[in-house]
C-alpha atoms as a PDB file:
ATOM      1  CA  UNK A   1     -30.556   2.919  -4.188  1.00  0.00           C
ATOM      2  CA  UNK A   2     -31.740   5.911  -2.171  1.00  0.00           C
ATOM      3  CA  UNK A   3     -28.608   5.989   0.018  1.00  0.00           C
ATOM      4  CA  UNK A   4     -25.423   4.091  -0.722  1.00  0.00           C
ATOM      5  CA  UNK A   5     -23.748   2.459   2.301  1.00  0.00           C
ATOM      6  CA  UNK A   6     -19.948   2.750   2.302  1.00  0.00           C
ATOM      7  CA  UNK A   7     -17.857   0.516   4.559  1.00  0.00           C
ATOM      8  CA  UNK A   8     -14.593   1.988   5.843  1.00  0.00           C
ATOM      9  CA  UNK A   9     -12.084   1.620   8.639  1.00  0.00           C
ATOM     10  CA  UNK A  10     -12.475   4.192  11.388  1.00  0.00           C
ATOM     11  CA  UNK A  11      -8.973   5.724  11.286  1.00  0.00           C
ATOM     12  CA  UNK A  12      -8.605   9.358  10.274  1.00  0.00           C
ATOM     13  CA  UNK A  13      -6.919   8.380   7.011  1.00  0.00           C
ATOM     14  CA  UNK A  14      -9.518   5.758   6.103  1.00  0.00           C
ATOM     15  CA  UNK A  15     -12.314   8.240   6.819  1.00  0.00           C
ATOM     16  CA  UNK A  16     -10.627  10.873   4.660  1.00  0.00           C
ATOM     17  CA  UNK A  17     -10.459   8.354   1.819  1.00  0.00           C
ATOM     18  CA  UNK A  18     -14.100   7.354   2.258  1.00  0.00           C
ATOM     19  CA  UNK A  19     -15.115  11.020   2.314  1.00  0.00           C
ATOM     20  CA  UNK A  20     -13.342  11.403  -1.025  1.00  0.00           C
ATOM     21  CA  UNK A  21     -15.597   8.683  -2.425  1.00  0.00           C
ATOM     22  CA  UNK A  22     -18.653  10.364  -0.875  1.00  0.00           C
ATOM     23  CA  UNK A  23     -17.750  13.656  -2.548  1.00  0.00           C
ATOM     24  CA  UNK A  24     -17.354  12.016  -5.948  1.00  0.00           C
ATOM     25  CA  UNK A  25     -20.740  10.328  -5.531  1.00  0.00           C
ATOM     26  CA  UNK A  26     -22.372  13.567  -4.414  1.00  0.00           C
ATOM     27  CA  UNK A  27     -21.073  15.274  -7.554  1.00  0.00           C
ATOM     28  CA  UNK A  28     -23.038  12.648  -9.494  1.00  0.00           C
ATOM     29  CA  UNK A  29     -26.173  13.140  -7.409  1.00  0.00           C
ATOM     30  CA  UNK A  30     -25.734   9.985  -5.312  1.00  0.00           C
ATOM     31  CA  UNK A  31     -26.309  10.199  -1.545  1.00  0.00           C
ATOM     32  CA  UNK A  32     -24.133   8.018   0.673  1.00  0.00           C
ATOM     33  CA  UNK A  33     -23.394   7.255   4.328  1.00  0.00           C
ATOM     34  CA  UNK A  34     -20.430   5.685   6.104  1.00  0.00           C
ATOM     35  CA  UNK A  35     -20.328   2.495   8.186  1.00  0.00           C
ATOM     36  CA  UNK A  36     -17.100   2.278  10.185  1.00  0.00           C
ATOM     37  CA  UNK A  37     -15.060  -0.731  11.309  1.00  0.00           C
ATOM     38  CA  UNK A  38     -12.085  -1.570  13.498  1.00  0.00           C
ATOM     39  CA  UNK A  39     -10.089  -4.400  11.913  1.00  0.00           C
ATOM     40  CA  UNK A  40      -7.684  -6.990  13.305  1.00  0.00           C
ATOM     41  CA  UNK A  41      -4.779  -4.881  12.063  1.00  0.00           C
ATOM     42  CA  UNK A  42      -6.161  -1.886  13.972  1.00  0.00           C
ATOM     43  CA  UNK A  43      -6.696  -3.803  17.212  1.00  0.00           C
ATOM     44  CA  UNK A  44      -3.503  -5.847  17.456  1.00  0.00           C
ATOM     45  CA  UNK A  45      -0.733  -3.284  17.857  1.00  0.00           C
ATOM     46  CA  UNK A  46       1.733  -5.226  20.026  1.00  0.00           C
ATOM     47  CA  UNK A  47       2.941  -7.514  17.205  1.00  0.00           C
ATOM     48  CA  UNK A  48       4.571  -6.863  13.829  1.00  0.00           C
ATOM     49  CA  UNK A  49       2.117  -7.218  10.954  1.00  0.00           C
ATOM     50  CA  UNK A  50       4.176 -10.072   9.553  1.00  0.00           C
ATOM     51  CA  UNK A  51       3.723 -12.036  12.808  1.00  0.00           C
ATOM     52  CA  UNK A  52      -0.067 -11.732  13.194  1.00  0.00           C
ATOM     53  CA  UNK A  53      -0.433 -14.459  10.594  1.00  0.00           C
ATOM     54  CA  UNK A  54      -3.672 -13.540   8.847  1.00  0.00           C
ATOM     55  CA  UNK A  55      -4.517 -12.291   5.386  1.00  0.00           C
ATOM     56  CA  UNK A  56      -6.709  -9.240   5.047  1.00  0.00           C
ATOM     57  CA  UNK A  57      -5.568  -7.733   8.342  1.00  0.00           C
ATOM     58  CA  UNK A  58      -7.166  -4.396   7.466  1.00  0.00           C
ATOM     59  CA  UNK A  59      -9.960  -5.621   5.215  1.00  0.00           C
ATOM     60  CA  UNK A  60     -11.699  -8.808   6.434  1.00  0.00           C
ATOM     61  CA  UNK A  61     -14.371  -7.188   8.613  1.00  0.00           C
ATOM     62  CA  UNK A  62     -15.353  -4.828   5.809  1.00  0.00           C
ATOM     63  CA  UNK A  63     -15.456  -7.639   3.271  1.00  0.00           C
ATOM     64  CA  UNK A  64     -17.564  -9.895   5.514  1.00  0.00           C
ATOM     65  CA  UNK A  65     -20.267  -7.235   5.902  1.00  0.00           C
ATOM     66  CA  UNK A  66     -20.126  -6.366   2.207  1.00  0.00           C
ATOM     67  CA  UNK A  67     -20.707 -10.013   1.304  1.00  0.00           C
ATOM     68  CA  UNK A  68     -23.561 -10.148   3.814  1.00  0.00           C
ATOM     69  CA  UNK A  69     -25.246  -7.158   2.159  1.00  0.00           C
ATOM     70  CA  UNK A  70     -24.901  -4.855   5.156  1.00  0.00           C
ATOM     71  CA  UNK A  71     -22.945  -2.357   3.024  1.00  0.00           C
ATOM     72  CA  UNK A  72     -22.922  -1.609  -0.709  1.00  0.00           C
ATOM     73  CA  UNK A  73     -19.188  -1.064  -1.085  1.00  0.00           C
ATOM     74  CA  UNK A  74     -15.968  -1.084   0.904  1.00  0.00           C
ATOM     75  CA  UNK A  75     -13.276   1.555   0.521  1.00  0.00           C
ATOM     76  CA  UNK A  76      -9.697   0.395   1.069  1.00  0.00           C
ATOM     77  CA  UNK A  77      -6.132   1.518   0.655  1.00  0.00           C
ATOM     78  CA  UNK A  78      -5.290  -0.758  -2.258  1.00  0.00           C
ATOM     79  CA  UNK A  79      -1.947  -1.782  -0.758  1.00  0.00           C
ATOM     80  CA  UNK A  80      -3.855  -3.359   2.170  1.00  0.00           C
ATOM     81  CA  UNK A  81      -5.865  -5.650  -0.109  1.00  0.00           C
ATOM     82  CA  UNK A  82      -4.629  -9.165  -0.896  1.00  0.00           C
ATOM     83  CA  UNK A  83      -4.150  -9.636  -4.646  1.00  0.00           C
ATOM     84  CA  UNK A  84      -7.121 -12.049  -4.796  1.00  0.00           C
ATOM     85  CA  UNK A  85     -10.541 -10.813  -3.690  1.00  0.00           C
ATOM     86  CA  UNK A  86     -12.832 -13.171  -1.746  1.00  0.00           C
ATOM     87  CA  UNK A  87     -15.312 -15.080  -3.886  1.00  0.00           C
ATOM     88  CA  UNK A  88     -18.225 -12.839  -4.789  1.00  0.00           C
ATOM     89  CA  UNK A  89     -16.330  -9.551  -4.416  1.00  0.00           C
ATOM     90  CA  UNK A  90     -14.487  -7.460  -6.993  1.00  0.00           C
ATOM     91  CA  UNK A  91     -12.508  -4.227  -7.098  1.00  0.00           C
ATOM     92  CA  UNK A  92     -14.704  -2.164  -9.401  1.00  0.00           C
ATOM     93  CA  UNK A  93     -12.864   1.158  -9.294  1.00  0.00           C
ATOM     94  CA  UNK A  94      -9.621   2.853  -8.319  1.00  0.00           C
ATOM     95  CA  UNK A  95      -9.560   6.585  -7.678  1.00  0.00           C
ATOM     96  CA  UNK A  96      -6.853   8.780  -9.211  1.00  0.00           C
ATOM     97  CA  UNK A  97      -3.656   7.907  -7.411  1.00  0.00           C
ATOM     98  CA  UNK A  98      -1.936  10.141  -4.862  1.00  0.00           C
ATOM     99  CA  UNK A  99       1.854  10.286  -4.646  1.00  0.00           C
ATOM    100  CA  UNK A 100       2.860   6.591  -4.345  1.00  0.00           C
ATOM    101  CA  UNK A 101       6.283   7.149  -2.771  1.00  0.00           C
ATOM    102  CA  UNK A 102       7.443   6.424   0.755  1.00  0.00           C
ATOM    103  CA  UNK A 103       8.455   9.447   2.806  1.00  0.00           C
ATOM    104  CA  UNK A 104      10.979  10.045   5.567  1.00  0.00           C
ATOM    105  CA  UNK A 105       9.588  11.801   8.651  1.00  0.00           C
ATOM    106  CA  UNK A 106      11.606  13.182  11.580  1.00  0.00           C
ATOM    107  CA  UNK A 107      10.627  14.474  15.026  1.00  0.00           C
ATOM    108  CA  UNK A 108       9.235  17.996  14.766  1.00  0.00           C
ATOM    109  CA  UNK A 109      12.175  19.435  16.722  1.00  0.00           C
ATOM    110  CA  UNK A 110      14.861  17.400  14.950  1.00  0.00           C
ATOM    111  CA  UNK A 111      17.701  18.689  12.833  1.00  0.00           C
ATOM    112  CA  UNK A 112      17.050  18.173   9.125  1.00  0.00           C
ATOM    113  CA  UNK A 113      18.481  14.903   7.886  1.00  0.00           C
ATOM    114  CA  UNK A 114      17.920  12.833   4.777  1.00  0.00           C
ATOM    115  CA  UNK A 115      18.025   9.054   4.747  1.00  0.00           C
ATOM    116  CA  UNK A 116      21.641   9.102   3.638  1.00  0.00           C
ATOM    117  CA  UNK A 117      22.732  11.707   6.203  1.00  0.00           C
ATOM    118  CA  UNK A 118      21.075  10.262   9.314  1.00  0.00           C
ATOM    119  CA  UNK A 119      23.728   9.663  11.994  1.00  0.00           C
ATOM    120  CA  UNK A 120      25.133   6.160  12.359  1.00  0.00           C
ATOM    121  CA  UNK A 121      23.022   4.104  14.747  1.00  0.00           C
ATOM    122  CA  UNK A 122      19.875   6.208  14.257  1.00  0.00           C
ATOM    123  CA  UNK A 123      16.649   4.318  14.980  1.00  0.00           C
ATOM    124  CA  UNK A 124      14.249   4.283  12.029  1.00  0.00           C
ATOM    125  CA  UNK A 125      10.663   3.170  12.607  1.00  0.00           C
ATOM    126  CA  UNK A 126       8.524   1.057  10.298  1.00  0.00           C
ATOM    127  CA  UNK A 127       6.209  -1.960  10.438  1.00  0.00           C
ATOM    128  CA  UNK A 128       6.988  -2.940   6.844  1.00  0.00           C
ATOM    129  CA  UNK A 129       9.445  -5.713   5.978  1.00  0.00           C
ATOM    130  CA  UNK A 130       9.830  -4.117   2.548  1.00  0.00           C
ATOM    131  CA  UNK A 131      10.940  -0.813   4.061  1.00  0.00           C
ATOM    132  CA  UNK A 132      13.199  -2.497   6.609  1.00  0.00           C
ATOM    133  CA  UNK A 133      14.942  -4.570   3.926  1.00  0.00           C
ATOM    134  CA  UNK A 134      15.529  -1.553   1.706  1.00  0.00           C
ATOM    135  CA  UNK A 135      16.797   0.426   4.701  1.00  0.00           C
ATOM    136  CA  UNK A 136      19.276  -2.339   5.576  1.00  0.00           C
ATOM    137  CA  UNK A 137      20.455  -2.497   1.975  1.00  0.00           C
ATOM    138  CA  UNK A 138      21.085   1.256   1.749  1.00  0.00           C
ATOM    139  CA  UNK A 139      22.112   2.035   5.334  1.00  0.00           C
ATOM    140  CA  UNK A 140      23.136  -1.123   7.220  1.00  0.00           C
ATOM    141  CA  UNK A 141      24.504   1.113   9.982  1.00  0.00           C
ATOM    142  CA  UNK A 142      20.996   2.260  10.961  1.00  0.00           C
ATOM    143  CA  UNK A 143      18.664   0.362  13.309  1.00  0.00           C
ATOM    144  CA  UNK A 144      15.185  -0.645  12.118  1.00  0.00           C
ATOM    145  CA  UNK A 145      12.600  -0.351  14.898  1.00  0.00           C
ATOM    146  CA  UNK A 146       9.032  -1.711  14.841  1.00  0.00           C
ATOM    147  CA  UNK A 147       6.540   1.164  14.652  1.00  0.00           C
ATOM    148  CA  UNK A 148       2.805   0.410  14.512  1.00  0.00           C
ATOM    149  CA  UNK A 149      -0.374   2.466  14.705  1.00  0.00           C
ATOM    150  CA  UNK A 150      -2.346   4.880  12.554  1.00  0.00           C
ATOM    151  CA  UNK A 151      -0.727   7.982  11.095  1.00  0.00           C
ATOM    152  CA  UNK A 152      -1.492  10.157  14.118  1.00  0.00           C
ATOM    153  CA  UNK A 153      -0.172   7.556  16.546  1.00  0.00           C
ATOM    154  CA  UNK A 154       3.039   7.106  14.616  1.00  0.00           C
ATOM    155  CA  UNK A 155       3.637  10.845  14.338  1.00  0.00           C
ATOM    156  CA  UNK A 156       3.137  11.153  18.105  1.00  0.00           C
ATOM    157  CA  UNK A 157       5.699   8.384  18.726  1.00  0.00           C
ATOM    158  CA  UNK A 158       8.123  10.081  16.349  1.00  0.00           C
ATOM    159  CA  UNK A 159       7.731  13.446  18.084  1.00  0.00           C
ATOM    160  CA  UNK A 160       8.263  11.745  21.457  1.00  0.00           C
ATOM    161  CA  UNK A 161      11.625  10.518  20.094  1.00  0.00           C
ATOM    162  CA  UNK A 162      10.717   6.853  20.423  1.00  0.00           C
ATOM    163  CA  UNK A 163      12.536   6.710  17.072  1.00  0.00           C
ATOM    164  CA  UNK A 164      14.907   9.121  15.348  1.00  0.00           C
ATOM    165  CA  UNK A 165      13.081   8.904  12.035  1.00  0.00           C
ATOM    166  CA  UNK A 166      10.358   6.842  10.376  1.00  0.00           C
ATOM    167  CA  UNK A 167       8.949   5.832   7.017  1.00  0.00           C
ATOM    168  CA  UNK A 168       5.327   6.613   6.169  1.00  0.00           C
ATOM    169  CA  UNK A 169       3.414   6.613   2.901  1.00  0.00           C
ATOM    170  CA  UNK A 170       3.465  10.068   1.357  1.00  0.00           C
ATOM    171  CA  UNK A 171      -0.122   9.583   0.153  1.00  0.00           C
ATOM    172  CA  UNK A 172      -1.515   9.197   3.663  1.00  0.00           C
ATOM    173  CA  UNK A 173       0.284  12.257   4.977  1.00  0.00           C
ATOM    174  CA  UNK A 174      -0.845  14.372   2.035  1.00  0.00           C
ATOM    175  CA  UNK A 175      -4.477  13.242   2.288  1.00  0.00           C
ATOM    176  CA  UNK A 176      -4.499  14.260   5.946  1.00  0.00           C
ATOM    177  CA  UNK A 177      -2.990  17.663   5.220  1.00  0.00           C
ATOM    178  CA  UNK A 178       0.301  16.625   6.836  1.00  0.00           C
ATOM    179  CA  UNK A 179       2.547  16.893   3.817  1.00  0.00           C
ATOM    180  CA  UNK A 180       4.715  19.457   5.634  1.00  0.00           C
ATOM    181  CA  UNK A 181       5.945  16.613   7.882  1.00  0.00           C
ATOM    182  CA  UNK A 182       7.702  15.010   4.912  1.00  0.00           C
ATOM    183  CA  UNK A 183      11.435  15.658   5.074  1.00  0.00           C
ATOM    184  CA  UNK A 184      12.365  13.561   2.054  1.00  0.00           C
ATOM    185  CA  UNK A 185      10.500  11.672  -0.649  1.00  0.00           C
ATOM    186  CA  UNK A 186      12.155   8.322  -1.382  1.00  0.00           C
ATOM    187  CA  UNK A 187      12.330   8.138  -5.146  1.00  0.00           C
ATOM    188  CA  UNK A 188      11.915   5.140  -7.401  1.00  0.00           C
ATOM    189  CA  UNK A 189      13.460   3.048  -8.709  1.00  0.00           C
ATOM    190  CA  UNK A 190      16.179   3.157  -6.033  1.00  0.00           C
ATOM    191  CA  UNK A 191      13.484   2.871  -3.355  1.00  0.00           C
ATOM    192  CA  UNK A 192      10.220   1.143  -4.245  1.00  0.00           C
ATOM    193  CA  UNK A 193       6.848   1.425  -2.483  1.00  0.00           C
ATOM    194  CA  UNK A 194       4.302  -1.315  -1.926  1.00  0.00           C
ATOM    195  CA  UNK A 195       2.359  -2.438  -4.977  1.00  0.00           C
ATOM    196  CA  UNK A 196      -0.698  -0.217  -5.325  1.00  0.00           C
ATOM    197  CA  UNK A 197       0.483   2.317  -2.743  1.00  0.00           C
ATOM    198  CA  UNK A 198      -1.327   5.652  -3.021  1.00  0.00           C
ATOM    199  CA  UNK A 199      -4.415   4.181  -4.711  1.00  0.00           C
ATOM    200  CA  UNK A 200      -7.895   4.034  -3.149  1.00  0.00           C
ATOM    201  CA  UNK A 201      -9.883   0.923  -4.078  1.00  0.00           C
ATOM    202  CA  UNK A 202     -13.663   0.516  -4.150  1.00  0.00           C
ATOM    203  CA  UNK A 203     -14.825  -3.065  -3.661  1.00  0.00           C
ATOM    204  CA  UNK A 204     -18.374  -4.276  -4.395  1.00  0.00           C
ATOM    205  CA  UNK A 205     -20.328  -7.500  -4.726  1.00  0.00           C
ATOM    206  CA  UNK A 206     -19.725  -8.791  -8.228  1.00  0.00           C
ATOM    207  CA  UNK A 207     -23.416  -9.597  -8.766  1.00  0.00           C
ATOM    208  CA  UNK A 208     -24.695  -6.229  -7.497  1.00  0.00           C
ATOM    209  CA  UNK A 209     -25.466  -4.541 -10.817  1.00  0.00           C
ATOM    210  CA  UNK A 210     -26.488  -1.240  -9.213  1.00  0.00           C
ATOM    211  CA  UNK A 211     -23.258  -0.884  -7.254  1.00  0.00           C
ATOM    212  CA  UNK A 212     -21.170  -1.998 -10.228  1.00  0.00           C
ATOM    213  CA  UNK A 213     -22.708   0.798 -12.293  1.00  0.00           C
ATOM    214  CA  UNK A 214     -22.527   3.488  -9.605  1.00  0.00           C
ATOM    215  CA  UNK A 215     -18.990   2.879  -8.428  1.00  0.00           C
ATOM    216  CA  UNK A 216     -17.542   1.692 -11.722  1.00  0.00           C
ATOM    217  CA  UNK A 217     -18.064   5.185 -13.086  1.00  0.00           C
ATOM    218  CA  UNK A 218     -15.470   6.481 -10.576  1.00  0.00           C
ATOM    219  CA  UNK A 219     -12.587   4.416 -11.965  1.00  0.00           C
ATOM    220  CA  UNK A 220      -9.419   6.222 -13.046  1.00  0.00           C
ATOM    221  CA  UNK A 221      -8.044   4.320 -16.047  1.00  0.00           C
ATOM    222  CA  UNK A 222      -4.359   5.364 -15.782  1.00  0.00           C
ATOM    223  CA  UNK A 223      -4.278   4.335 -12.109  1.00  0.00           C
ATOM    224  CA  UNK A 224      -5.947   1.009 -12.849  1.00  0.00           C
ATOM    225  CA  UNK A 225      -3.470   0.254 -15.616  1.00  0.00           C
ATOM    226  CA  UNK A 226      -0.409   1.031 -13.497  1.00  0.00           C
ATOM    227  CA  UNK A 227      -1.487  -0.929 -10.445  1.00  0.00           C
ATOM    228  CA  UNK A 228      -2.622  -3.887 -12.560  1.00  0.00           C
ATOM    229  CA  UNK A 229       1.040  -4.405 -13.479  1.00  0.00           C
ATOM    230  CA  UNK A 230       2.238  -3.903  -9.895  1.00  0.00           C
ATOM    231  CA  UNK A 231      -0.283  -6.300  -8.377  1.00  0.00           C
ATOM    232  CA  UNK A 232       0.307  -8.913 -11.084  1.00  0.00           C
ATOM    233  CA  UNK A 233       4.015  -8.787 -10.161  1.00  0.00           C
ATOM    234  CA  UNK A 234       3.142  -9.171  -6.469  1.00  0.00           C
ATOM    235  CA  UNK A 235       0.682 -12.001  -7.104  1.00  0.00           C
ATOM    236  CA  UNK A 236       3.105 -13.939  -9.327  1.00  0.00           C
ATOM    237  CA  UNK A 237       5.700 -13.852  -6.534  1.00  0.00           C
ATOM    238  CA  UNK A 238       3.020 -14.876  -4.007  1.00  0.00           C
ATOM    239  CA  UNK A 239       3.900 -11.769  -2.029  1.00  0.00           C
ATOM    240  CA  UNK A 240       2.219 -10.648   1.165  1.00  0.00           C
ATOM    241  CA  UNK A 241       3.121  -8.921   4.404  1.00  0.00           C
ATOM    242  CA  UNK A 242       5.815 -11.554   5.076  1.00  0.00           C
ATOM    243  CA  UNK A 243       7.715 -10.878   1.831  1.00  0.00           C
ATOM    244  CA  UNK A 244       9.779  -7.724   1.161  1.00  0.00           C
ATOM    245  CA  UNK A 245       8.489  -6.862  -2.327  1.00  0.00           C
ATOM    246  CA  UNK A 246       8.222  -3.430  -3.916  1.00  0.00           C
ATOM    247  CA  UNK A 247       6.717  -2.388  -7.231  1.00  0.00           C
ATOM    248  CA  UNK A 248       5.911   0.818  -9.071  1.00  0.00           C
ATOM    249  CA  UNK A 249       4.871   1.559 -12.651  1.00  0.00           C
ATOM    250  CA  UNK A 250       6.516   4.801 -13.742  1.00  0.00           C
ATOM    251  CA  UNK A 251       5.680   6.886 -16.786  1.00  0.00           C
ATOM    252  CA  UNK A 252       3.970  10.067 -17.867  1.00  0.00           C
ATOM    253  CA  UNK A 253       1.620   8.537 -20.399  1.00  0.00           C
ATOM    254  CA  UNK A 254       0.006   5.401 -21.790  1.00  0.00           C
ATOM    255  CA  UNK A 255       2.868   4.375 -24.072  1.00  0.00           C
ATOM    256  CA  UNK A 256       5.934   4.966 -21.877  1.00  0.00           C
ATOM    257  CA  UNK A 257       4.897   3.118 -18.729  1.00  0.00           C
ATOM    258  CA  UNK A 258       7.652   0.961 -17.189  1.00  0.00           C
ATOM    259  CA  UNK A 259       7.196  -1.419 -14.267  1.00  0.00           C
ATOM    260  CA  UNK A 260      10.000  -1.471 -11.686  1.00  0.00           C
ATOM    261  CA  UNK A 261      10.088  -4.281  -9.136  1.00  0.00           C
ATOM    262  CA  UNK A 262      12.255  -5.663  -6.373  1.00  0.00           C
ATOM    263  CA  UNK A 263      12.362  -8.590  -3.983  1.00  0.00           C
ATOM    264  CA  UNK A 264      14.730  -8.814  -1.014  1.00  0.00           C
ATOM    265  CA  UNK A 265      15.625 -11.096   1.844  1.00  0.00           C
ATOM    266  CA  UNK A 266      14.720  -9.931   5.350  1.00  0.00           C
ATOM    267  CA  UNK A 267      18.237  -8.715   6.148  1.00  0.00           C
ATOM    268  CA  UNK A 268      18.444  -6.632   2.992  1.00  0.00           C
ATOM    269  CA  UNK A 269      21.726  -8.318   2.096  1.00  0.00           C
ATOM    270  CA  UNK A 270      20.275  -9.623  -1.142  1.00  0.00           C
ATOM    271  CA  UNK A 271      18.057  -7.344  -3.226  1.00  0.00           C
ATOM    272  CA  UNK A 272      16.971  -8.294  -6.747  1.00  0.00           C
ATOM    273  CA  UNK A 273      15.724  -5.496  -8.993  1.00  0.00           C
ATOM    274  CA  UNK A 274      14.400  -5.336 -12.515  1.00  0.00           C
ATOM    275  CA  UNK A 275      12.134  -3.465 -14.883  1.00  0.00           C
ATOM    276  CA  UNK A 276       9.725  -4.354 -17.656  1.00  0.00           C
ATOM    277  CA  UNK A 277       8.283  -1.992 -20.263  1.00  0.00           C
ATOM    278  CA  UNK A 278       4.504  -1.959 -20.362  1.00  0.00           C
ATOM    279  CA  UNK A 279       4.085   0.558 -23.154  1.00  0.00           C
ATOM    280  CA  UNK A 280       0.822  -0.024 -24.966  1.00  0.00           C
ATOM    281  CA  UNK A 281       0.902  -3.710 -24.047  1.00  0.00           C
ATOM    282  CA  UNK A 282      -0.784  -5.833 -21.426  1.00  0.00           C
ATOM    283  CA  UNK A 283      -0.076  -4.513 -17.920  1.00  0.00           C
ATOM    284  CA  UNK A 284      -0.796  -7.826 -16.203  1.00  0.00           C
ATOM    285  CA  UNK A 285       1.472  -9.678 -18.632  1.00  0.00           C
ATOM    286  CA  UNK A 286       4.282  -7.215 -17.902  1.00  0.00           C
ATOM    287  CA  UNK A 287       3.937  -7.806 -14.169  1.00  0.00           C
ATOM    288  CA  UNK A 288       4.058 -11.551 -14.606  1.00  0.00           C
ATOM    289  CA  UNK A 289       7.025 -11.354 -16.965  1.00  0.00           C
ATOM    290  CA  UNK A 290       9.074  -9.292 -14.521  1.00  0.00           C
ATOM    291  CA  UNK A 291       8.198 -11.640 -11.676  1.00  0.00           C
ATOM    292  CA  UNK A 292       9.250 -14.659 -13.737  1.00  0.00           C
ATOM    293  CA  UNK A 293      12.579 -13.064 -14.586  1.00  0.00           C
ATOM    294  CA  UNK A 294      13.392 -12.127 -10.994  1.00  0.00           C
ATOM    295  CA  UNK A 295      12.272 -15.573  -9.880  1.00  0.00           C
ATOM    296  CA  UNK A 296      14.829 -17.130 -12.222  1.00  0.00           C
ATOM    297  CA  UNK A 297      17.562 -14.683 -11.173  1.00  0.00           C
ATOM    298  CA  UNK A 298      17.428 -15.762  -7.540  1.00  0.00           C
ATOM    299  CA  UNK A 299      13.969 -14.822  -6.347  1.00  0.00           C
ATOM    300  CA  UNK A 300      13.049 -18.474  -5.937  1.00  0.00           C
ATOM    301  CA  UNK A 301      15.831 -18.902  -3.367  1.00  0.00           C
ATOM    302  CA  UNK A 302      14.829 -15.740  -1.521  1.00  0.00           C
ATOM    303  CA  UNK A 303      11.196 -16.868  -1.360  1.00  0.00           C
ATOM    304  CA  UNK A 304      12.223 -20.328  -0.123  1.00  0.00           C
ATOM    305  CA  UNK A 305      14.339 -18.719   2.600  1.00  0.00           C
ATOM    306  CA  UNK A 306      11.486 -16.418   3.641  1.00  0.00           C
ATOM    307  CA  UNK A 307       9.016 -19.290   3.859  1.00  0.00           C
ATOM    308  CA  UNK A 308      11.478 -21.301   5.938  1.00  0.00           C
ATOM    309  CA  UNK A 309      11.926 -18.382   8.359  1.00  0.00           C
ATOM    310  CA  UNK A 310       8.160 -17.835   8.543  1.00  0.00           C
END
């Protein structure tokens, strides 16, 4: 290839992530260019994500053009990708992970509160059922408010006091140089992020040997190992945007990695939590084992209830 074509969403965060891939390629002597897309999830902002009713809300347009050969790879936030890639596509690399935690953000002129010190009745914005369920479990006296849009849009709504606080991914804020807006990091395992949160995924055509070689060289092995467990947990519970599921593999090295997972009902009145050591073992097997245990401990009933409500 003379110039590699990278597909990316057109938001500021997505572009920053794609530019990170470009820089890594440039360091290896590979020239690349960006092709930008606006996805269904970007266009439909008047409905909660869980109500739009499609898989791949932030990925389908990129994947369609990648399959058609109009791009050579697609760069995604891994947490936006369904656990199963479309036929013919594969995730070939994950970049070194940013901070995977959720963060609490307040209006710029607000007094400094933490999640546990926010005043009773405070309105907390999020589009995530996982975040809303965990909020209800920890602070049932607060009011969850739907908050959609890219990072800049959400920060503007926060500063206009449309909400009193909001949850955003720490990784996105940090990548955009907005880490100073973080008032509190929500630590695991008490509060769990989305599976794969903070990781940037590079997707290619499985039969494109050139792209497999070029982009495969960018893979960060520790990140891939951790998120393999998280996504296996998510896949085994058949989780998606309509299921409040959180997962994070925590550990400082290869041998001490532990997967933490949770599944909750929409109201946050029932939250099942568990952990599974990964150690030097099979990360995917650990994810499946934890999912099976939580399924037996009441997860099956929660999933049945969620499907009924959906």
